[in-house]
Amino acid sequence: MGGEIYQAQVIRNFFDTITVTDRNLTRIYMCVMSLAKLRMEPPEKMASLLDQLKKSKLHKELSVDIIDFVCDAANELELNAVQTAFGVKDIKEVAQDFSGISLDSL
């Protein structure tokens, strides 16, 4: 579970990086390669990702293969790990806070 939380945090950082105006390729590289290492990807896959990152730098456009890799990794994570990484509380924990609120009190 701990490894999945780290993976979810790396994925979160990746998407934070690609959605801001300053899309730093070094940060993207670090996120992708860290995620590949956490997932213990074979050397061939890591070489392929590195090649795609180099092409992304050359074309100044992020490769779809990189986005696919990160999305596939995110899809394979357990929901609890993702919720922990993104700071989301379980709905059961939050529901008790709202049980005392009625429409009349609004």
PDB file of N, CA and C in Angstrom:
ATOM      1  N   MET A   1       0.827  -1.191   0.000  1.00  0.00           N
ATOM      2  CA  MET A   1       0.000   0.000   0.000  1.00  0.00           C
ATOM      3  C   MET A   1       0.872   1.255   0.000  1.00  0.00           C
ATOM      4  N   GLY A   2       1.977   1.240   0.755  1.00  0.00           N
ATOM      5  CA  GLY A   2       2.834   2.414   0.814  1.00  0.00           C
ATOM      6  C   GLY A   2       3.388   2.802  -0.540  1.00  0.00           C
ATOM      7  N   GLY A   3       3.791   1.789  -1.346  1.00  0.00           N
ATOM      8  CA  GLY A   3       4.300   2.056  -2.678  1.00  0.00           C
ATOM      9  C   GLY A   3       3.244   2.661  -3.579  1.00  0.00           C
ATOM     10  N   GLU A   4       2.009   2.225  -3.391  1.00  0.00           N
ATOM     11  CA  GLU A   4       0.927   2.771  -4.212  1.00  0.00           C
ATOM     12  C   GLU A   4       0.651   4.232  -3.859  1.00  0.00           C
ATOM     13  N   ILE A   5       0.803   4.578  -2.594  1.00  0.00           N
ATOM     14  CA  ILE A   5       0.605   5.975  -2.194  1.00  0.00           C
ATOM     15  C   ILE A   5       1.677   6.851  -2.834  1.00  0.00           C
ATOM     16  N   TYR A   6       2.922   6.375  -2.847  1.00  0.00           N
ATOM     17  CA  TYR A   6       3.988   7.125  -3.513  1.00  0.00           C
ATOM     18  C   TYR A   6       3.706   7.274  -4.998  1.00  0.00           C
ATOM     19  N   GLN A   7       3.241   6.192  -5.617  1.00  0.00           N
ATOM     20  CA  GLN A   7       2.908   6.256  -7.036  1.00  0.00           C
ATOM     21  C   GLN A   7       1.804   7.287  -7.275  1.00  0.00           C
ATOM     22  N   ALA A   8       0.793   7.274  -6.435  1.00  0.00           N
ATOM     23  CA  ALA A   8      -0.311   8.225  -6.589  1.00  0.00           C
ATOM     24  C   ALA A   8       0.182   9.662  -6.416  1.00  0.00           C
ATOM     25  N   GLN A   9       1.111   9.885  -5.494  1.00  0.00           N
ATOM     26  CA  GLN A   9       1.658  11.223  -5.302  1.00  0.00           C
ATOM     27  C   GLN A   9       2.466  11.667  -6.508  1.00  0.00           C
ATOM     28  N   VAL A  10       3.231  10.750  -7.096  1.00  0.00           N
ATOM     29  CA  VAL A  10       4.010  11.072  -8.296  1.00  0.00           C
ATOM     30  C   VAL A  10       3.061  11.394  -9.451  1.00  0.00           C
ATOM     31  N   ILE A  11       2.002  10.611  -9.580  1.00  0.00           N
ATOM     32  CA  ILE A  11       1.011  10.860 -10.632  1.00  0.00           C
ATOM     33  C   ILE A  11       0.352  12.216 -10.429  1.00  0.00           C
ATOM     34  N   ARG A  12       0.047  12.530  -9.184  1.00  0.00           N
ATOM     35  CA  ARG A  12      -0.543  13.838  -8.884  1.00  0.00           C
ATOM     36  C   ARG A  12       0.414  14.959  -9.292  1.00  0.00           C
ATOM     37  N   ASN A  13       1.690  14.809  -8.951  1.00  0.00           N
ATOM     38  CA  ASN A  13       2.687  15.822  -9.327  1.00  0.00           C
ATOM     39  C   ASN A  13       2.805  15.936 -10.835  1.00  0.00           C
ATOM     40  N   PHE A  14       2.734  14.807 -11.541  1.00  0.00           N
ATOM     41  CA  PHE A  14       2.796  14.825 -12.995  1.00  0.00           C
ATOM     42  C   PHE A  14       1.654  15.662 -13.566  1.00  0.00           C
ATOM     43  N   PHE A  15       0.437  15.385 -13.126  1.00  0.00           N
ATOM     44  CA  PHE A  15      -0.707  16.121 -13.664  1.00  0.00           C
ATOM     45  C   PHE A  15      -0.717  17.580 -13.222  1.00  0.00           C
ATOM     46  N   ASP A  16      -0.215  17.849 -12.020  1.00  0.00           N
ATOM     47  CA  ASP A  16      -0.065  19.247 -11.598  1.00  0.00           C
ATOM     48  C   ASP A  16       0.914  19.966 -12.516  1.00  0.00           C
ATOM     49  N   THR A  17       1.984  19.285 -12.901  1.00  0.00           N
ATOM     50  CA  THR A  17       3.010  19.895 -13.745  1.00  0.00           C
ATOM     51  C   THR A  17       2.512  20.146 -15.159  1.00  0.00           C
ATOM     52  N   ILE A  18       1.780  19.200 -15.731  1.00  0.00           N
ATOM     53  CA  ILE A  18       1.372  19.379 -17.130  1.00  0.00           C
ATOM     54  C   ILE A  18       0.163  20.289 -17.285  1.00  0.00           C
ATOM     55  N   THR A  19      -0.507  20.629 -16.185  1.00  0.00           N
ATOM     56  CA  THR A  19      -1.688  21.485 -16.310  1.00  0.00           C
ATOM     57  C   THR A  19      -1.433  22.941 -15.952  1.00  0.00           C
ATOM     58  N   VAL A  20      -0.230  23.280 -15.536  1.00  0.00           N
ATOM     59  CA  VAL A  20       0.083  24.682 -15.244  1.00  0.00           C
ATOM     60  C   VAL A  20       0.708  25.328 -16.477  1.00  0.00           C
ATOM     61  N   THR A  21       0.840  26.633 -16.439  1.00  0.00           N
ATOM     62  CA  THR A  21       1.387  27.338 -17.602  1.00  0.00           C
ATOM     63  C   THR A  21       2.874  27.068 -17.806  1.00  0.00           C
ATOM     64  N   ASP A  22       3.619  26.804 -16.731  1.00  0.00           N
ATOM     65  CA  ASP A  22       5.051  26.519 -16.830  1.00  0.00           C
ATOM     66  C   ASP A  22       5.241  25.003 -16.829  1.00  0.00           C
ATOM     67  N   ARG A  23       5.163  24.400 -17.994  1.00  0.00           N
ATOM     68  CA  ARG A  23       5.293  22.941 -18.116  1.00  0.00           C
ATOM     69  C   ARG A  23       6.768  22.582 -18.186  1.00  0.00           C
ATOM     70  N   ASN A  24       7.358  22.395 -17.051  1.00  0.00           N
ATOM     71  CA  ASN A  24       8.781  22.120 -16.939  1.00  0.00           C
ATOM     72  C   ASN A  24       9.066  20.671 -17.325  1.00  0.00           C
ATOM     73  N   LEU A  25       9.801  20.458 -18.403  1.00  0.00           N
ATOM     74  CA  LEU A  25      10.086  19.115 -18.901  1.00  0.00           C
ATOM     75  C   LEU A  25      10.945  18.324 -17.915  1.00  0.00           C
ATOM     76  N   THR A  26      11.778  19.004 -17.157  1.00  0.00           N
ATOM     77  CA  THR A  26      12.596  18.305 -16.163  1.00  0.00           C
ATOM     78  C   THR A  26      11.710  17.697 -15.088  1.00  0.00           C
ATOM     79  N   ARG A  27      10.708  18.425 -14.629  1.00  0.00           N
ATOM     80  CA  ARG A  27       9.768  17.881 -13.636  1.00  0.00           C
ATOM     81  C   ARG A  27       8.973  16.724 -14.219  1.00  0.00           C
ATOM     82  N   ILE A  28       8.552  16.863 -15.464  1.00  0.00           N
ATOM     83  CA  ILE A  28       7.814  15.786 -16.121  1.00  0.00           C
ATOM     84  C   ILE A  28       8.698  14.550 -16.219  1.00  0.00           C
ATOM     85  N   TYR A  29       9.948  14.748 -16.619  1.00  0.00           N
ATOM     86  CA  TYR A  29      10.905  13.645 -16.707  1.00  0.00           C
ATOM     87  C   TYR A  29      11.049  12.951 -15.355  1.00  0.00           C
ATOM     88  N   MET A  30      11.226  13.727 -14.297  1.00  0.00           N
ATOM     89  CA  MET A  30      11.397  13.157 -12.956  1.00  0.00           C
ATOM     90  C   MET A  30      10.161  12.366 -12.533  1.00  0.00           C
ATOM     91  N   CYS A  31       8.983  12.876 -12.830  1.00  0.00           N
ATOM     92  CA  CYS A  31       7.749  12.172 -12.464  1.00  0.00           C
ATOM     93  C   CYS A  31       7.635  10.849 -13.223  1.00  0.00           C
ATOM     94  N   VAL A  32       7.873  10.893 -14.516  1.00  0.00           N
ATOM     95  CA  VAL A  32       7.718   9.691 -15.345  1.00  0.00           C
ATOM     96  C   VAL A  32       8.743   8.630 -14.959  1.00  0.00           C
ATOM     97  N   MET A  33       9.991   9.016 -14.815  1.00  0.00           N
ATOM     98  CA  MET A  33      11.027   8.040 -14.486  1.00  0.00           C
ATOM     99  C   MET A  33      10.876   7.531 -13.048  1.00  0.00           C
ATOM    100  N   SER A  34      10.464   8.380 -12.138  1.00  0.00           N
ATOM    101  CA  SER A  34      10.213   7.928 -10.762  1.00  0.00           C
ATOM    102  C   SER A  34       9.069   6.927 -10.730  1.00  0.00           C
ATOM    103  N   LEU A  35       8.021   7.221 -11.470  1.00  0.00           N
ATOM    104  CA  LEU A  35       6.881   6.308 -11.535  1.00  0.00           C
ATOM    105  C   LEU A  35       7.301   4.967 -12.138  1.00  0.00           C
ATOM    106  N   ALA A  36       8.106   5.011 -13.179  1.00  0.00           N
ATOM    107  CA  ALA A  36       8.581   3.765 -13.800  1.00  0.00           C
ATOM    108  C   ALA A  36       9.421   2.947 -12.819  1.00  0.00           C
ATOM    109  N   LYS A  37      10.253   3.621 -12.038  1.00  0.00           N
ATOM    110  CA  LYS A  37      11.069   2.910 -11.051  1.00  0.00           C
ATOM    111  C   LYS A  37      10.212   2.352  -9.925  1.00  0.00           C
ATOM    112  N   LEU A  38       9.234   3.119  -9.467  1.00  0.00           N
ATOM    113  CA  LEU A  38       8.335   2.623  -8.421  1.00  0.00           C
ATOM    114  C   LEU A  38       7.535   1.418  -8.889  1.00  0.00           C
ATOM    115  N   ARG A  39       7.198   1.400 -10.161  1.00  0.00           N
ATOM    116  CA  ARG A  39       6.443   0.282 -10.725  1.00  0.00           C
ATOM    117  C   ARG A  39       7.348  -0.864 -11.166  1.00  0.00           C
ATOM    118  N   MET A  40       8.663  -0.672 -10.997  1.00  0.00           N
ATOM    119  CA  MET A  40       9.663  -1.678 -11.363  1.00  0.00           C
ATOM    120  C   MET A  40       9.498  -2.126 -12.819  1.00  0.00           C
ATOM    121  N   GLU A  41       9.407  -1.121 -13.683  1.00  0.00           N
ATOM    122  CA  GLU A  41       9.285  -1.387 -15.116  1.00  0.00           C
ATOM    123  C   GLU A  41      10.600  -1.976 -15.639  1.00  0.00           C
ATOM    124  N   PRO A  42      10.526  -2.834 -16.643  1.00  0.00           N
ATOM    125  CA  PRO A  42      11.758  -3.403 -17.213  1.00  0.00           C
ATOM    126  C   PRO A  42      12.586  -2.318 -17.913  1.00  0.00           C
ATOM    127  N   PRO A  43      13.872  -2.557 -18.064  1.00  0.00           N
ATOM    128  CA  PRO A  43      14.750  -1.556 -18.696  1.00  0.00           C
ATOM    129  C   PRO A  43      14.290  -1.142 -20.100  1.00  0.00           C
ATOM    130  N   GLU A  44      13.687  -2.072 -20.839  1.00  0.00           N
ATOM    131  CA  GLU A  44      13.212  -1.733 -22.185  1.00  0.00           C
ATOM    132  C   GLU A  44      12.111  -0.681 -22.131  1.00  0.00           C
ATOM    133  N   LYS A  45      11.214  -0.819 -21.175  1.00  0.00           N
ATOM    134  CA  LYS A  45      10.115   0.144 -21.023  1.00  0.00           C
ATOM    135  C   LYS A  45      10.674   1.506 -20.606  1.00  0.00           C
ATOM    136  N   MET A  46      11.640   1.493 -19.696  1.00  0.00           N
ATOM    137  CA  MET A  46      12.233   2.753 -19.247  1.00  0.00           C
ATOM    138  C   MET A  46      12.968   3.436 -20.402  1.00  0.00           C
ATOM    139  N   ALA A  47      13.644   2.654 -21.234  1.00  0.00           N
ATOM    140  CA  ALA A  47      14.335   3.218 -22.395  1.00  0.00           C
ATOM    141  C   ALA A  47      13.329   3.814 -23.377  1.00  0.00           C
ATOM    142  N   SER A  48      12.205   3.142 -23.543  1.00  0.00           N
ATOM    143  CA  SER A  48      11.155   3.639 -24.427  1.00  0.00           C
ATOM    144  C   SER A  48      10.569   4.948 -23.901  1.00  0.00           C
ATOM    145  N   LEU A  49      10.336   5.006 -22.597  1.00  0.00           N
ATOM    146  CA  LEU A  49       9.817   6.240 -21.990  1.00  0.00           C
ATOM    147  C   LEU A  49      10.818   7.382 -22.141  1.00  0.00           C
ATOM    148  N   LEU A  50      12.090   7.073 -21.930  1.00  0.00           N
ATOM    149  CA  LEU A  50      13.135   8.085 -22.076  1.00  0.00           C
ATOM    150  C   LEU A  50      13.194   8.597 -23.507  1.00  0.00           C
ATOM    151  N   ASP A  51      13.053   7.694 -24.469  1.00  0.00           N
ATOM    152  CA  ASP A  51      13.037   8.078 -25.873  1.00  0.00           C
ATOM    153  C   ASP A  51      11.838   8.993 -26.164  1.00  0.00           C
ATOM    154  N   GLN A  52      10.695   8.666 -25.613  1.00  0.00           N
ATOM    155  CA  GLN A  52       9.501   9.493 -25.815  1.00  0.00           C
ATOM    156  C   GLN A  52       9.669  10.876 -25.179  1.00  0.00           C
ATOM    157  N   LEU A  53      10.333  10.928 -24.028  1.00  0.00           N
ATOM    158  CA  LEU A  53      10.587  12.223 -23.393  1.00  0.00           C
ATOM    159  C   LEU A  53      11.527  13.073 -24.244  1.00  0.00           C
ATOM    160  N   LYS A  54      12.542  12.437 -24.839  1.00  0.00           N
ATOM    161  CA  LYS A  54      13.451  13.180 -25.723  1.00  0.00           C
ATOM    162  C   LYS A  54      12.709  13.708 -26.948  1.00  0.00           C
ATOM    163  N   LYS A  55      11.835  12.890 -27.525  1.00  0.00           N
ATOM    164  CA  LYS A  55      11.032  13.330 -28.664  1.00  0.00           C
ATOM    165  C   LYS A  55      10.090  14.460 -28.261  1.00  0.00           C
ATOM    166  N   SER A  56       9.559  14.381 -27.042  1.00  0.00           N
ATOM    167  CA  SER A  56       8.675  15.444 -26.558  1.00  0.00           C
ATOM    168  C   SER A  56       9.423  16.768 -26.465  1.00  0.00           C
ATOM    169  N   LYS A  57      10.657  16.695 -26.002  1.00  0.00           N
ATOM    170  CA  LYS A  57      11.466  17.915 -25.905  1.00  0.00           C
ATOM    171  C   LYS A  57      11.749  18.469 -27.290  1.00  0.00           C
ATOM    172  N   LEU A  58      12.068  17.585 -28.227  1.00  0.00           N
ATOM    173  CA  LEU A  58      12.382  18.005 -29.586  1.00  0.00           C
ATOM    174  C   LEU A  58      11.169  18.643 -30.281  1.00  0.00           C
ATOM    175  N   HIS A  59      10.011  18.036 -30.126  1.00  0.00           N
ATOM    176  CA  HIS A  59       8.796  18.537 -30.781  1.00  0.00           C
ATOM    177  C   HIS A  59       8.043  19.577 -29.945  1.00  0.00           C
ATOM    178  N   LYS A  60       8.509  19.787 -28.708  1.00  0.00           N
ATOM    179  CA  LYS A  60       7.875  20.731 -27.785  1.00  0.00           C
ATOM    180  C   LYS A  60       6.395  20.412 -27.571  1.00  0.00           C
ATOM    181  N   GLU A  61       6.132  19.114 -27.492  1.00  0.00           N
ATOM    182  CA  GLU A  61       4.778  18.623 -27.264  1.00  0.00           C
ATOM    183  C   GLU A  61       4.891  17.280 -26.549  1.00  0.00           C
ATOM    184  N   LEU A  62       4.144  17.118 -25.479  1.00  0.00           N
ATOM    185  CA  LEU A  62       4.229  15.895 -24.682  1.00  0.00           C
ATOM    186  C   LEU A  62       3.664  14.708 -25.458  1.00  0.00           C
ATOM    187  N   SER A  63       4.422  13.645 -25.488  1.00  0.00           N
ATOM    188  CA  SER A  63       4.043  12.440 -26.224  1.00  0.00           C
ATOM    189  C   SER A  63       2.808  11.787 -25.609  1.00  0.00           C
ATOM    190  N   VAL A  64       1.947  11.277 -26.467  1.00  0.00           N
ATOM    191  CA  VAL A  64       0.753  10.571 -26.014  1.00  0.00           C
ATOM    192  C   VAL A  64       1.141   9.297 -25.268  1.00  0.00           C
ATOM    193  N   ASP A  65       2.258   8.688 -25.645  1.00  0.00           N
ATOM    194  CA  ASP A  65       2.723   7.476 -24.967  1.00  0.00           C
ATOM    195  C   ASP A  65       3.042   7.745 -23.503  1.00  0.00           C
ATOM    196  N   ILE A  66       3.568   8.917 -23.212  1.00  0.00           N
ATOM    197  CA  ILE A  66       3.867   9.289 -21.829  1.00  0.00           C
ATOM    198  C   ILE A  66       2.564   9.436 -21.044  1.00  0.00           C
ATOM    199  N   ILE A  67       1.627  10.137 -21.623  1.00  0.00           N
ATOM    200  CA  ILE A  67       0.336  10.329 -20.950  1.00  0.00           C
ATOM    201  C   ILE A  67      -0.358   8.984 -20.760  1.00  0.00           C
ATOM    202  N   ASP A  68      -0.305   8.109 -21.761  1.00  0.00           N
ATOM    203  CA  ASP A  68      -0.898   6.774 -21.647  1.00  0.00           C
ATOM    204  C   ASP A  68      -0.266   5.978 -20.512  1.00  0.00           C
ATOM    205  N   PHE A  69       1.060   6.057 -20.409  1.00  0.00           N
ATOM    206  CA  PHE A  69       1.766   5.328 -19.348  1.00  0.00           C
ATOM    207  C   PHE A  69       1.294   5.792 -17.972  1.00  0.00           C
ATOM    208  N   VAL A  70       1.223   7.095 -17.780  1.00  0.00           N
ATOM    209  CA  VAL A  70       0.825   7.633 -16.480  1.00  0.00           C
ATOM    210  C   VAL A  70      -0.645   7.308 -16.195  1.00  0.00           C
ATOM    211  N   CYS A  71      -1.487   7.418 -17.198  1.00  0.00           N
ATOM    212  CA  CYS A  71      -2.915   7.108 -17.006  1.00  0.00           C
ATOM    213  C   CYS A  71      -3.124   5.631 -16.702  1.00  0.00           C
ATOM    214  N   ASP A  72      -2.390   4.760 -17.367  1.00  0.00           N
ATOM    215  CA  ASP A  72      -2.479   3.325 -17.077  1.00  0.00           C
ATOM    216  C   ASP A  72      -2.043   3.034 -15.645  1.00  0.00           C
ATOM    217  N   ALA A  73      -0.977   3.688 -15.219  1.00  0.00           N
ATOM    218  CA  ALA A  73      -0.503   3.501 -13.845  1.00  0.00           C
ATOM    219  C   ALA A  73      -1.552   3.993 -12.856  1.00  0.00           C
ATOM    220  N   ALA A  74      -2.168   5.126 -13.149  1.00  0.00           N
ATOM    221  CA  ALA A  74      -3.206   5.657 -12.263  1.00  0.00           C
ATOM    222  C   ALA A  74      -4.405   4.729 -12.214  1.00  0.00           C
ATOM    223  N   ASN A  75      -4.751   4.162 -13.335  1.00  0.00           N
ATOM    224  CA  ASN A  75      -5.909   3.270 -13.414  1.00  0.00           C
ATOM    225  C   ASN A  75      -5.704   1.993 -12.609  1.00  0.00           C
ATOM    226  N   GLU A  76      -4.467   1.553 -12.470  1.00  0.00           N
ATOM    227  CA  GLU A  76      -4.169   0.320 -11.758  1.00  0.00           C
ATOM    228  C   GLU A  76      -4.071   0.502 -10.245  1.00  0.00           C
ATOM    229  N   LEU A  77      -4.053   1.739  -9.775  1.00  0.00           N
ATOM    230  CA  LEU A  77      -3.923   1.981  -8.338  1.00  0.00           C
ATOM    231  C   LEU A  77      -5.242   1.730  -7.618  1.00  0.00           C
ATOM    232  N   GLU A  78      -5.121   1.346  -6.365  1.00  0.00           N
ATOM    233  CA  GLU A  78      -6.305   1.173  -5.530  1.00  0.00           C
ATOM    234  C   GLU A  78      -6.841   2.549  -5.144  1.00  0.00           C
ATOM    235  N   LEU A  79      -8.145   2.636  -5.005  1.00  0.00           N
ATOM    236  CA  LEU A  79      -8.796   3.916  -4.717  1.00  0.00           C
ATOM    237  C   LEU A  79      -8.317   4.511  -3.397  1.00  0.00           C
ATOM    238  N   ASN A  80      -8.086   3.689  -2.387  1.00  0.00           N
ATOM    239  CA  ASN A  80      -7.642   4.203  -1.082  1.00  0.00           C
ATOM    240  C   ASN A  80      -6.293   4.904  -1.184  1.00  0.00           C
ATOM    241  N   ALA A  81      -5.390   4.353  -1.983  1.00  0.00           N
ATOM    242  CA  ALA A  81      -4.067   4.976  -2.154  1.00  0.00           C
ATOM    243  C   ALA A  81      -4.201   6.325  -2.839  1.00  0.00           C
ATOM    244  N   VAL A  82      -5.061   6.393  -3.831  1.00  0.00           N
ATOM    245  CA  VAL A  82      -5.265   7.649  -4.553  1.00  0.00           C
ATOM    246  C   VAL A  82      -5.909   8.687  -3.633  1.00  0.00           C
ATOM    247  N   GLN A  83      -6.904   8.271  -2.863  1.00  0.00           N
ATOM    248  CA  GLN A  83      -7.551   9.198  -1.934  1.00  0.00           C
ATOM    249  C   GLN A  83      -6.560   9.723  -0.911  1.00  0.00           C
ATOM    250  N   THR A  84      -5.694   8.868  -0.409  1.00  0.00           N
ATOM    251  CA  THR A  84      -4.685   9.295   0.561  1.00  0.00           C
ATOM    252  C   THR A  84      -3.724  10.298  -0.069  1.00  0.00           C
ATOM    253  N   ALA A  85      -3.265  10.015  -1.281  1.00  0.00           N
ATOM    254  CA  ALA A  85      -2.309  10.896  -1.957  1.00  0.00           C
ATOM    255  C   ALA A  85      -2.911  12.256  -2.273  1.00  0.00           C
ATOM    256  N   PHE A  86      -4.195  12.285  -2.600  1.00  0.00           N
ATOM    257  CA  PHE A  86      -4.843  13.535  -2.955  1.00  0.00           C
ATOM    258  C   PHE A  86      -5.491  14.215  -1.754  1.00  0.00           C
ATOM    259  N   GLY A  87      -5.377  13.604  -0.573  1.00  0.00           N
ATOM    260  CA  GLY A  87      -5.924  14.205   0.637  1.00  0.00           C
ATOM    261  C   GLY A  87      -7.435  14.154   0.707  1.00  0.00           C
ATOM    262  N   VAL A  88      -8.047  13.170   0.054  1.00  0.00           N
ATOM    263  CA  VAL A  88      -9.502  13.033   0.056  1.00  0.00           C
ATOM    264  C   VAL A  88      -9.896  12.108   1.191  1.00  0.00           C
ATOM    265  N   LYS A  89     -10.865  12.533   1.968  1.00  0.00           N
ATOM    266  CA  LYS A  89     -11.359  11.700   3.057  1.00  0.00           C
ATOM    267  C   LYS A  89     -12.424  10.750   2.528  1.00  0.00           C
ATOM    268  N   ASP A  90     -12.542   9.638   3.208  1.00  0.00           N
ATOM    269  CA  ASP A  90     -13.585   8.682   2.862  1.00  0.00           C
ATOM    270  C   ASP A  90     -14.946   9.326   3.107  1.00  0.00           C
ATOM    271  N   ILE A  91     -15.873   9.095   2.216  1.00  0.00           N
ATOM    272  CA  ILE A  91     -17.192   9.731   2.309  1.00  0.00           C
ATOM    273  C   ILE A  91     -17.898   9.360   3.606  1.00  0.00           C
ATOM    274  N   LYS A  92     -17.627   8.177   4.151  1.00  0.00           N
ATOM    275  CA  LYS A  92     -18.252   7.762   5.409  1.00  0.00           C
ATOM    276  C   LYS A  92     -17.795   8.646   6.564  1.00  0.00           C
ATOM    277  N   GLU A  93     -16.536   9.071   6.530  1.00  0.00           N
ATOM    278  CA  GLU A  93     -16.016   9.950   7.579  1.00  0.00           C
ATOM    279  C   GLU A  93     -16.638  11.339   7.493  1.00  0.00           C
ATOM    280  N   VAL A  94     -16.851  11.813   6.290  1.00  0.00           N
ATOM    281  CA  VAL A  94     -17.383  13.154   6.083  1.00  0.00           C
ATOM    282  C   VAL A  94     -18.898  13.192   6.270  1.00  0.00           C
ATOM    283  N   ALA A  95     -19.566  12.082   6.011  1.00  0.00           N
ATOM    284  CA  ALA A  95     -21.029  12.039   6.069  1.00  0.00           C
ATOM    285  C   ALA A  95     -21.561  12.402   7.439  1.00  0.00           C
ATOM    286  N   GLN A  96     -20.884  12.020   8.489  1.00  0.00           N
ATOM    287  CA  GLN A  96     -21.377  12.325   9.831  1.00  0.00           C
ATOM    288  C   GLN A  96     -21.350  13.827  10.119  1.00  0.00           C
ATOM    289  N   ASP A  97     -20.457  14.565   9.453  1.00  0.00           N
ATOM    290  CA  ASP A  97     -20.423  16.020   9.616  1.00  0.00           C
ATOM    291  C   ASP A  97     -21.668  16.675   9.038  1.00  0.00           C
ATOM    292  N   PHE A  98     -22.227  16.068   8.013  1.00  0.00           N
ATOM    293  CA  PHE A  98     -23.381  16.647   7.338  1.00  0.00           C
ATOM    294  C   PHE A  98     -24.707  16.123   7.839  1.00  0.00           C
ATOM    295  N   SER A  99     -24.689  15.140   8.713  1.00  0.00           N
ATOM    296  CA  SER A  99     -25.955  14.558   9.166  1.00  0.00           C
ATOM    297  C   SER A  99     -26.763  15.521  10.015  1.00  0.00           C
ATOM    298  N   GLY A 100     -26.110  16.490  10.669  1.00  0.00           N
ATOM    299  CA  GLY A 100     -26.814  17.444  11.506  1.00  0.00           C
ATOM    300  C   GLY A 100     -27.350  18.646  10.749  1.00  0.00           C
ATOM    301  N   ILE A 101     -27.083  18.749   9.476  1.00  0.00           N
ATOM    302  CA  ILE A 101     -27.529  19.883   8.687  1.00  0.00           C
ATOM    303  C   ILE A 101     -28.877  19.555   8.020  1.00  0.00           C
ATOM    304  N   SER A 102     -29.806  20.448   8.157  1.00  0.00           N
ATOM    305  CA  SER A 102     -31.100  20.245   7.495  1.00  0.00           C
ATOM    306  C   SER A 102     -31.359  21.450   6.593  1.00  0.00           C
ATOM    307  N   LEU A 103     -32.291  21.311   5.719  1.00  0.00           N
ATOM    308  CA  LEU A 103     -32.642  22.427   4.830  1.00  0.00           C
ATOM    309  C   LEU A 103     -33.217  23.600   5.616  1.00  0.00           C
ATOM    310  N   ASP A 104     -33.861  23.327   6.743  1.00  0.00           N
ATOM    311  CA  ASP A 104     -34.427  24.404   7.552  1.00  0.00           C
ATOM    312  C   ASP A 104     -33.359  25.285   8.179  1.00  0.00           C
ATOM    313  N   SER A 105     -32.167  24.715   8.429  1.00  0.00           N
ATOM    314  CA  SER A 105     -31.114  25.502   9.070  1.00  0.00           C
ATOM    315  C   SER A 105     -30.375  26.383   8.080  1.00  0.00           C
ATOM    316  N   LEU A 106     -30.627  26.193   6.802  1.00  0.00           N
ATOM    317  CA  LEU A 106     -29.933  27.004   5.793  1.00  0.00           C
ATOM    318  C   LEU A 106     -30.640  28.250   5.552  1.00  0.00           C
TER     319      LEU A 106
END
